[in-house]
Structure formats: C-alpha cells, structure tokens
C-alpha cells in the first residue's frame, strides 16, 4: 500500500485505519476475556485457567493501551507526514 499511494494519502489512510483496527482488536479481546471468565469462574478455576485468564487480561490491557495511547500519537505523526 505504501508503495502505490502518495505520502499524504497514505498518512490519511493510516489515520483512519489504525483506530478502527485497534478498536476491533480491543473489542474482540474484551469478548474473549468475558467468555473465558464466564466459562471458568475464578473460584472454581484451576491454576492453569487462572494463568490463562491473566494472560487474556494482560492482552486486553496491552490492546487498550495501544488504542488509547500509541494510536493517537501514530495518527498525529501520520497527519504530519501528509
């Protein structure tokens, strides 16, 4: 994509695609956490299942930080390019 679009159009495209992409990834991670927590309640979960839930929560936290912190900085940088 970056080879075929002029620089300002590529920056504009990324400014629109990245927030939507990371919002979708965060929503899917939240659904995964909710489904896993529903199917494996904390009180009856084994140690492995608790680690799995912790990993899912960590992934959700990373996705949300990417959406709320890194994406706005990237969008700003992409608009400066254009």
PDB file of N, CA and C in Angstrom:
ATOM      1  N   UNK A   1       0.815  -1.170   0.000  1.00  0.00           N
ATOM      2  CA  UNK A   1       0.000   0.000   0.000  1.00  0.00           C
ATOM      3  C   UNK A   1       0.877   1.258   0.000  1.00  0.00           C
ATOM      4  N   UNK A   2       1.927   1.243   0.805  1.00  0.00           N
ATOM      5  CA  UNK A   2       2.773   2.426   0.889  1.00  0.00           C
ATOM      6  C   UNK A   2       3.556   2.670  -0.392  1.00  0.00           C
ATOM      7  N   UNK A   3       3.682   1.654  -1.226  1.00  0.00           N
ATOM      8  CA  UNK A   3       4.404   1.823  -2.489  1.00  0.00           C
ATOM      9  C   UNK A   3       3.544   2.489  -3.563  1.00  0.00           C
ATOM     10  N   UNK A   4       2.227   2.335  -3.448  1.00  0.00           N
ATOM     11  CA  UNK A   4       1.350   2.773  -4.523  1.00  0.00           C
ATOM     12  C   UNK A   4       0.595   4.065  -4.219  1.00  0.00           C
ATOM     13  N   UNK A   5       0.593   4.502  -2.978  1.00  0.00           N
ATOM     14  CA  UNK A   5      -0.112   5.730  -2.625  1.00  0.00           C
ATOM     15  C   UNK A   5       0.882   6.856  -2.381  1.00  0.00           C
ATOM     16  N   UNK A   6       0.510   8.071  -2.746  1.00  0.00           N
ATOM     17  CA  UNK A   6       1.348   9.202  -2.365  1.00  0.00           C
ATOM     18  C   UNK A   6       1.405   9.335  -0.846  1.00  0.00           C
ATOM     19  N   UNK A   7       2.405  10.000  -0.368  1.00  0.00           N
ATOM     20  CA  UNK A   7       2.671  10.070   1.061  1.00  0.00           C
ATOM     21  C   UNK A   7       1.498  10.642   1.857  1.00  0.00           C
ATOM     22  N   UNK A   8       0.891  11.721   1.396  1.00  0.00           N
ATOM     23  CA  UNK A   8      -0.201  12.338   2.145  1.00  0.00           C
ATOM     24  C   UNK A   8      -1.444  11.448   2.166  1.00  0.00           C
ATOM     25  N   UNK A   9      -1.720  10.731   1.082  1.00  0.00           N
ATOM     26  CA  UNK A   9      -2.861   9.814   1.077  1.00  0.00           C
ATOM     27  C   UNK A   9      -2.608   8.612   1.975  1.00  0.00           C
ATOM     28  N   UNK A  10      -1.374   8.130   1.994  1.00  0.00           N
ATOM     29  CA  UNK A  10      -1.035   7.014   2.869  1.00  0.00           C
ATOM     30  C   UNK A  10      -1.192   7.413   4.332  1.00  0.00           C
ATOM     31  N   UNK A  11      -0.733   8.605   4.701  1.00  0.00           N
ATOM     32  CA  UNK A  11      -0.899   9.086   6.070  1.00  0.00           C
ATOM     33  C   UNK A  11      -2.358   9.242   6.446  1.00  0.00           C
ATOM     34  N   UNK A  12      -3.165   9.731   5.532  1.00  0.00           N
ATOM     35  CA  UNK A  12      -4.595   9.877   5.784  1.00  0.00           C
ATOM     36  C   UNK A  12      -5.265   8.513   5.938  1.00  0.00           C
ATOM     37  N   UNK A  13      -4.884   7.571   5.096  1.00  0.00           N
ATOM     38  CA  UNK A  13      -5.445   6.223   5.180  1.00  0.00           C
ATOM     39  C   UNK A  13      -5.093   5.558   6.509  1.00  0.00           C
ATOM     40  N   UNK A  14      -3.846   5.656   6.924  1.00  0.00           N
ATOM     41  CA  UNK A  14      -3.445   5.066   8.208  1.00  0.00           C
ATOM     42  C   UNK A  14      -4.151   5.746   9.369  1.00  0.00           C
ATOM     43  N   UNK A  15      -4.364   7.052   9.255  1.00  0.00           N
ATOM     44  CA  UNK A  15      -5.070   7.774  10.309  1.00  0.00           C
ATOM     45  C   UNK A  15      -6.499   7.304  10.479  1.00  0.00           C
ATOM     46  N   UNK A  16      -7.083   6.750   9.441  1.00  0.00           N
ATOM     47  CA  UNK A  16      -8.446   6.223   9.529  1.00  0.00           C
ATOM     48  C   UNK A  16      -8.473   4.723   9.855  1.00  0.00           C
ATOM     49  N   UNK A  17      -7.496   3.986   9.348  1.00  0.00           N
ATOM     50  CA  UNK A  17      -7.494   2.534   9.536  1.00  0.00           C
ATOM     51  C   UNK A  17      -7.045   2.106  10.935  1.00  0.00           C
ATOM     52  N   UNK A  18      -5.990   2.707  11.456  1.00  0.00           N
ATOM     53  CA  UNK A  18      -5.436   2.253  12.731  1.00  0.00           C
ATOM     54  C   UNK A  18      -6.424   2.338  13.890  1.00  0.00           C
ATOM     55  N   UNK A  19      -7.123   3.460  14.092  1.00  0.00           N
ATOM     56  CA  UNK A  19      -8.069   3.483  15.218  1.00  0.00           C
ATOM     57  C   UNK A  19      -9.169   2.428  15.080  1.00  0.00           C
ATOM     58  N   UNK A  20      -9.691   2.235  13.881  1.00  0.00           N
ATOM     59  CA  UNK A  20     -10.738   1.232  13.689  1.00  0.00           C
ATOM     60  C   UNK A  20     -10.193  -0.170  13.937  1.00  0.00           C
ATOM     61  N   UNK A  21      -8.999  -0.435  13.460  1.00  0.00           N
ATOM     62  CA  UNK A  21      -8.388  -1.750  13.637  1.00  0.00           C
ATOM     63  C   UNK A  21      -8.154  -2.065  15.115  1.00  0.00           C
ATOM     64  N   UNK A  22      -7.556  -1.135  15.830  1.00  0.00           N
ATOM     65  CA  UNK A  22      -7.257  -1.400  17.238  1.00  0.00           C
ATOM     66  C   UNK A  22      -8.511  -1.399  18.098  1.00  0.00           C
ATOM     67  N   UNK A  23      -9.554  -0.680  17.682  1.00  0.00           N
ATOM     68  CA  UNK A  23     -10.819  -0.746  18.406  1.00  0.00           C
ATOM     69  C   UNK A  23     -11.446  -2.123  18.238  1.00  0.00           C
ATOM     70  N   UNK A  24     -11.381  -2.667  17.023  1.00  0.00           N
ATOM     71  CA  UNK A  24     -11.909  -4.002  16.775  1.00  0.00           C
ATOM     72  C   UNK A  24     -11.122  -5.061  17.552  1.00  0.00           C
ATOM     73  N   UNK A  25      -9.813  -4.949  17.569  1.00  0.00           N
ATOM     74  CA  UNK A  25      -8.983  -5.904  18.307  1.00  0.00           C
ATOM     75  C   UNK A  25      -9.280  -5.825  19.812  1.00  0.00           C
ATOM     76  N   UNK A  26      -9.448  -4.616  20.342  1.00  0.00           N
ATOM     77  CA  UNK A  26      -9.768  -4.463  21.765  1.00  0.00           C
ATOM     78  C   UNK A  26     -11.133  -5.036  22.094  1.00  0.00           C
ATOM     79  N   UNK A  27     -12.105  -4.834  21.216  1.00  0.00           N
ATOM     80  CA  UNK A  27     -13.438  -5.395  21.446  1.00  0.00           C
ATOM     81  C   UNK A  27     -13.398  -6.922  21.424  1.00  0.00           C
ATOM     82  N   UNK A  28     -12.659  -7.500  20.498  1.00  0.00           N
ATOM     83  CA  UNK A  28     -12.533  -8.961  20.444  1.00  0.00           C
ATOM     84  C   UNK A  28     -11.822  -9.505  21.678  1.00  0.00           C
ATOM     85  N   UNK A  29     -10.822  -8.790  22.163  1.00  0.00           N
ATOM     86  CA  UNK A  29     -10.132  -9.217  23.382  1.00  0.00           C
ATOM     87  C   UNK A  29     -11.064  -9.148  24.587  1.00  0.00           C
ATOM     88  N   UNK A  30     -11.879  -8.102  24.649  1.00  0.00           N
ATOM     89  CA  UNK A  30     -12.832  -7.969  25.757  1.00  0.00           C
ATOM     90  C   UNK A  30     -13.865  -9.095  25.723  1.00  0.00           C
ATOM     91  N   UNK A  31     -14.321  -9.469  24.546  1.00  0.00           N
ATOM     92  CA  UNK A  31     -15.266 -10.579  24.419  1.00  0.00           C
ATOM     93  C   UNK A  31     -14.592 -11.881  24.847  1.00  0.00           C
ATOM     94  N   UNK A  32     -13.339 -12.064  24.484  1.00  0.00           N
ATOM     95  CA  UNK A  32     -12.607 -13.274  24.885  1.00  0.00           C
ATOM     96  C   UNK A  32     -12.460 -13.356  26.398  1.00  0.00           C
ATOM     97  N   UNK A  33     -12.122 -12.238  27.021  1.00  0.00           N
ATOM     98  CA  UNK A  33     -11.988 -12.214  28.483  1.00  0.00           C
ATOM     99  C   UNK A  33     -13.324 -12.520  29.141  1.00  0.00           C
ATOM    100  N   UNK A  34     -14.386 -11.891  28.652  1.00  0.00           N
ATOM    101  CA  UNK A  34     -15.708 -12.106  29.246  1.00  0.00           C
ATOM    102  C   UNK A  34     -16.168 -13.556  29.078  1.00  0.00           C
ATOM    103  N   UNK A  35     -15.959 -14.122  27.905  1.00  0.00           N
ATOM    104  CA  UNK A  35     -16.375 -15.505  27.663  1.00  0.00           C
ATOM    105  C   UNK A  35     -15.574 -16.481  28.520  1.00  0.00           C
ATOM    106  N   UNK A  36     -14.266 -16.253  28.598  1.00  0.00           N
ATOM    107  CA  UNK A  36     -13.437 -17.153  29.401  1.00  0.00           C
ATOM    108  C   UNK A  36     -13.787 -17.038  30.881  1.00  0.00           C
ATOM    109  N   UNK A  37     -14.012 -15.807  31.354  1.00  0.00           N
ATOM    110  CA  UNK A  37     -14.363 -15.611  32.765  1.00  0.00           C
ATOM    111  C   UNK A  37     -15.733 -16.219  33.074  1.00  0.00           C
ATOM    112  N   UNK A  38     -16.634 -16.186  32.125  1.00  0.00           N
ATOM    113  CA  UNK A  38     -17.954 -16.785  32.329  1.00  0.00           C
ATOM    114  C   UNK A  38     -17.861 -18.309  32.373  1.00  0.00           C
ATOM    115  N   UNK A  39     -17.074 -18.888  31.484  1.00  0.00           N
ATOM    116  CA  UNK A  39     -16.974 -20.338  31.409  1.00  0.00           C
ATOM    117  C   UNK A  39     -16.094 -20.938  32.510  1.00  0.00           C
ATOM    118  N   UNK A  40     -15.162 -20.145  33.036  1.00  0.00           N
ATOM    119  CA  UNK A  40     -14.253 -20.624  34.079  1.00  0.00           C
ATOM    120  C   UNK A  40     -14.267 -19.630  35.237  1.00  0.00           C
ATOM    121  N   UNK A  41     -15.271 -19.710  36.107  1.00  0.00           N
ATOM    122  CA  UNK A  41     -15.321 -18.771  37.247  1.00  0.00           C
ATOM    123  C   UNK A  41     -14.066 -18.868  38.107  1.00  0.00           C
ATOM    124  N   UNK A  42     -13.676 -17.746  38.686  1.00  0.00           N
ATOM    125  CA  UNK A  42     -12.420 -17.648  39.425  1.00  0.00           C
ATOM    126  C   UNK A  42     -12.364 -18.642  40.578  1.00  0.00           C
ATOM    127  N   UNK A  43     -13.462 -18.817  41.293  1.00  0.00           N
ATOM    128  CA  UNK A  43     -13.454 -19.683  42.484  1.00  0.00           C
ATOM    129  C   UNK A  43     -13.286 -21.165  42.138  1.00  0.00           C
ATOM    130  N   UNK A  44     -13.761 -21.569  40.979  1.00  0.00           N
ATOM    131  CA  UNK A  44     -13.653 -22.984  40.610  1.00  0.00           C
ATOM    132  C   UNK A  44     -12.572 -23.240  39.570  1.00  0.00           C
ATOM    133  N   UNK A  45     -11.874 -22.204  39.156  1.00  0.00           N
ATOM    134  CA  UNK A  45     -10.855 -22.355  38.108  1.00  0.00           C
ATOM    135  C   UNK A  45      -9.591 -22.984  38.669  1.00  0.00           C
ATOM    136  N   UNK A  46      -8.946 -23.768  37.825  1.00  0.00           N
ATOM    137  CA  UNK A  46      -7.659 -24.341  38.214  1.00  0.00           C
ATOM    138  C   UNK A  46      -6.573 -23.275  38.063  1.00  0.00           C
ATOM    139  N   UNK A  47      -5.393 -23.608  38.497  1.00  0.00           N
ATOM    140  CA  UNK A  47      -4.275 -22.663  38.419  1.00  0.00           C
ATOM    141  C   UNK A  47      -3.960 -22.308  36.964  1.00  0.00           C
ATOM    142  N   UNK A  48      -3.998 -23.286  36.098  1.00  0.00           N
ATOM    143  CA  UNK A  48      -3.723 -23.038  34.680  1.00  0.00           C
ATOM    144  C   UNK A  48      -4.767 -22.089  34.091  1.00  0.00           C
ATOM    145  N   UNK A  49      -6.034 -22.312  34.439  1.00  0.00           N
ATOM    146  CA  UNK A  49      -7.097 -21.439  33.925  1.00  0.00           C
ATOM    147  C   UNK A  49      -6.954 -20.015  34.464  1.00  0.00           C
ATOM    148  N   UNK A  50      -6.484 -19.877  35.674  1.00  0.00           N
ATOM    149  CA  UNK A  50      -6.248 -18.536  36.224  1.00  0.00           C
ATOM    150  C   UNK A  50      -5.112 -17.832  35.484  1.00  0.00           C
ATOM    151  N   UNK A  51      -4.074 -18.580  35.152  1.00  0.00           N
ATOM    152  CA  UNK A  51      -2.988 -18.006  34.350  1.00  0.00           C
ATOM    153  C   UNK A  51      -3.475 -17.611  32.959  1.00  0.00           C
ATOM    154  N   UNK A  52      -4.346 -18.436  32.393  1.00  0.00           N
ATOM    155  CA  UNK A  52      -4.896 -18.117  31.074  1.00  0.00           C
ATOM    156  C   UNK A  52      -5.731 -16.845  31.131  1.00  0.00           C
ATOM    157  N   UNK A  53      -6.544 -16.716  32.158  1.00  0.00           N
ATOM    158  CA  UNK A  53      -7.342 -15.501  32.314  1.00  0.00           C
ATOM    159  C   UNK A  53      -6.441 -14.291  32.532  1.00  0.00           C
ATOM    160  N   UNK A  54      -5.393 -14.464  33.308  1.00  0.00           N
ATOM    161  CA  UNK A  54      -4.437 -13.376  33.499  1.00  0.00           C
ATOM    162  C   UNK A  54      -3.766 -12.968  32.194  1.00  0.00           C
ATOM    163  N   UNK A  55      -3.440 -13.954  31.376  1.00  0.00           N
ATOM    164  CA  UNK A  55      -2.840 -13.648  30.076  1.00  0.00           C
ATOM    165  C   UNK A  55      -3.814 -12.913  29.171  1.00  0.00           C
ATOM    166  N   UNK A  56      -5.066 -13.327  29.185  1.00  0.00           N
ATOM    167  CA  UNK A  56      -6.080 -12.633  28.393  1.00  0.00           C
ATOM    168  C   UNK A  56      -6.271 -11.195  28.878  1.00  0.00           C
ATOM    169  N   UNK A  57      -6.263 -11.006  30.189  1.00  0.00           N
ATOM    170  CA  UNK A  57      -6.391  -9.656  30.735  1.00  0.00           C
ATOM    171  C   UNK A  57      -5.184  -8.790  30.382  1.00  0.00           C
ATOM    172  N   UNK A  58      -4.003  -9.390  30.406  1.00  0.00           N
ATOM    173  CA  UNK A  58      -2.804  -8.664  30.003  1.00  0.00           C
ATOM    174  C   UNK A  58      -2.881  -8.257  28.538  1.00  0.00           C
ATOM    175  N   UNK A  59      -3.346  -9.170  27.690  1.00  0.00           N
ATOM    176  CA  UNK A  59      -3.503  -8.851  26.270  1.00  0.00           C
ATOM    177  C   UNK A  59      -4.523  -7.736  26.073  1.00  0.00           C
ATOM    178  N   UNK A  60      -5.612  -7.776  26.816  1.00  0.00           N
ATOM    179  CA  UNK A  60      -6.619  -6.720  26.728  1.00  0.00           C
ATOM    180  C   UNK A  60      -6.040  -5.388  27.172  1.00  0.00           C
ATOM    181  N   UNK A  61      -5.265  -5.403  28.252  1.00  0.00           N
ATOM    182  CA  UNK A  61      -4.633  -4.166  28.717  1.00  0.00           C
ATOM    183  C   UNK A  61      -3.665  -3.596  27.693  1.00  0.00           C
ATOM    184  N   UNK A  62      -2.890  -4.466  27.069  1.00  0.00           N
ATOM    185  CA  UNK A  62      -1.965  -4.002  26.023  1.00  0.00           C
ATOM    186  C   UNK A  62      -2.716  -3.449  24.820  1.00  0.00           C
ATOM    187  N   UNK A  63      -3.795  -4.104  24.437  1.00  0.00           N
ATOM    188  CA  UNK A  63      -4.596  -3.616  23.317  1.00  0.00           C
ATOM    189  C   UNK A  63      -5.215  -2.260  23.635  1.00  0.00           C
ATOM    190  N   UNK A  64      -5.732  -2.101  24.848  1.00  0.00           N
ATOM    191  CA  UNK A  64      -6.331  -0.819  25.227  1.00  0.00           C
ATOM    192  C   UNK A  64      -5.291   0.289  25.309  1.00  0.00           C
ATOM    193  N   UNK A  65      -4.104  -0.032  25.818  1.00  0.00           N
ATOM    194  CA  UNK A  65      -3.062   0.996  25.856  1.00  0.00           C
ATOM    195  C   UNK A  65      -2.618   1.366  24.446  1.00  0.00           C
ATOM    196  N   UNK A  66      -2.600   0.390  23.564  1.00  0.00           N
ATOM    197  CA  UNK A  66      -2.270   0.673  22.167  1.00  0.00           C
ATOM    198  C   UNK A  66      -3.335   1.571  21.550  1.00  0.00           C
ATOM    199  N   UNK A  67      -4.602   1.279  21.835  1.00  0.00           N
ATOM    200  CA  UNK A  67      -5.701   2.063  21.285  1.00  0.00           C
ATOM    201  C   UNK A  67      -5.718   3.479  21.840  1.00  0.00           C
ATOM    202  N   UNK A  68      -5.502   3.617  23.141  1.00  0.00           N
ATOM    203  CA  UNK A  68      -5.685   4.916  23.796  1.00  0.00           C
ATOM    204  C   UNK A  68      -4.429   5.771  23.865  1.00  0.00           C
ATOM    205  N   UNK A  69      -3.240   5.167  23.754  1.00  0.00           N
ATOM    206  CA  UNK A  69      -2.000   5.926  23.895  1.00  0.00           C
ATOM    207  C   UNK A  69      -1.203   5.976  22.589  1.00  0.00           C
ATOM    208  N   UNK A  70      -0.893   4.817  22.069  1.00  0.00           N
ATOM    209  CA  UNK A  70       0.018   4.764  20.923  1.00  0.00           C
ATOM    210  C   UNK A  70      -0.672   5.179  19.625  1.00  0.00           C
ATOM    211  N   UNK A  71      -1.920   4.747  19.428  1.00  0.00           N
ATOM    212  CA  UNK A  71      -2.616   5.082  18.190  1.00  0.00           C
ATOM    213  C   UNK A  71      -2.783   6.583  17.994  1.00  0.00           C
ATOM    214  N   UNK A  72      -3.199   7.362  19.011  1.00  0.00           N
ATOM    215  CA  UNK A  72      -3.285   8.813  18.779  1.00  0.00           C
ATOM    216  C   UNK A  72      -1.943   9.448  18.412  1.00  0.00           C
ATOM    217  N   UNK A  73      -0.850   8.972  19.007  1.00  0.00           N
ATOM    218  CA  UNK A  73       0.465   9.503  18.638  1.00  0.00           C
ATOM    219  C   UNK A  73       0.803   9.131  17.198  1.00  0.00           C
ATOM    220  N   UNK A  74       0.458   7.905  16.793  1.00  0.00           N
ATOM    221  CA  UNK A  74       0.746   7.466  15.439  1.00  0.00           C
ATOM    222  C   UNK A  74      -0.099   8.237  14.422  1.00  0.00           C
ATOM    223  N   UNK A  75      -1.371   8.455  14.755  1.00  0.00           N
ATOM    224  CA  UNK A  75      -2.240   9.213  13.849  1.00  0.00           C
ATOM    225  C   UNK A  75      -1.719  10.642  13.690  1.00  0.00           C
ATOM    226  N   UNK A  76      -1.272  11.237  14.788  1.00  0.00           N
ATOM    227  CA  UNK A  76      -0.712  12.582  14.713  1.00  0.00           C
ATOM    228  C   UNK A  76       0.538  12.607  13.839  1.00  0.00           C
ATOM    229  N   UNK A  77       1.377  11.616  13.996  1.00  0.00           N
ATOM    230  CA  UNK A  77       2.593  11.540  13.175  1.00  0.00           C
ATOM    231  C   UNK A  77       2.243  11.325  11.706  1.00  0.00           C
ATOM    232  N   UNK A  78       1.201  10.524  11.446  1.00  0.00           N
ATOM    233  CA  UNK A  78       0.804  10.285  10.049  1.00  0.00           C
ATOM    234  C   UNK A  78       0.213  11.534   9.426  1.00  0.00           C
ATOM    235  N   UNK A  79      -0.497  12.334  10.198  1.00  0.00           N
ATOM    236  CA  UNK A  79      -1.054  13.548   9.630  1.00  0.00           C
ATOM    237  C   UNK A  79       0.041  14.600   9.416  1.00  0.00           C
ATOM    238  N   UNK A  80       1.107  14.526  10.199  1.00  0.00           N
ATOM    239  CA  UNK A  80       2.219  15.442   9.974  1.00  0.00           C
ATOM    240  C   UNK A  80       2.966  15.107   8.688  1.00  0.00           C
ATOM    241  N   UNK A  81       2.959  13.809   8.332  1.00  0.00           N
ATOM    242  CA  UNK A  81       3.622  13.387   7.111  1.00  0.00           C
ATOM    243  C   UNK A  81       2.908  13.972   5.910  1.00  0.00           C
ATOM    244  N   UNK A  82       1.569  13.943   5.954  1.00  0.00           N
ATOM    245  CA  UNK A  82       0.763  14.427   4.832  1.00  0.00           C
ATOM    246  C   UNK A  82       0.727  15.897   4.844  1.00  0.00           C
TER     247      UNK A  82
END
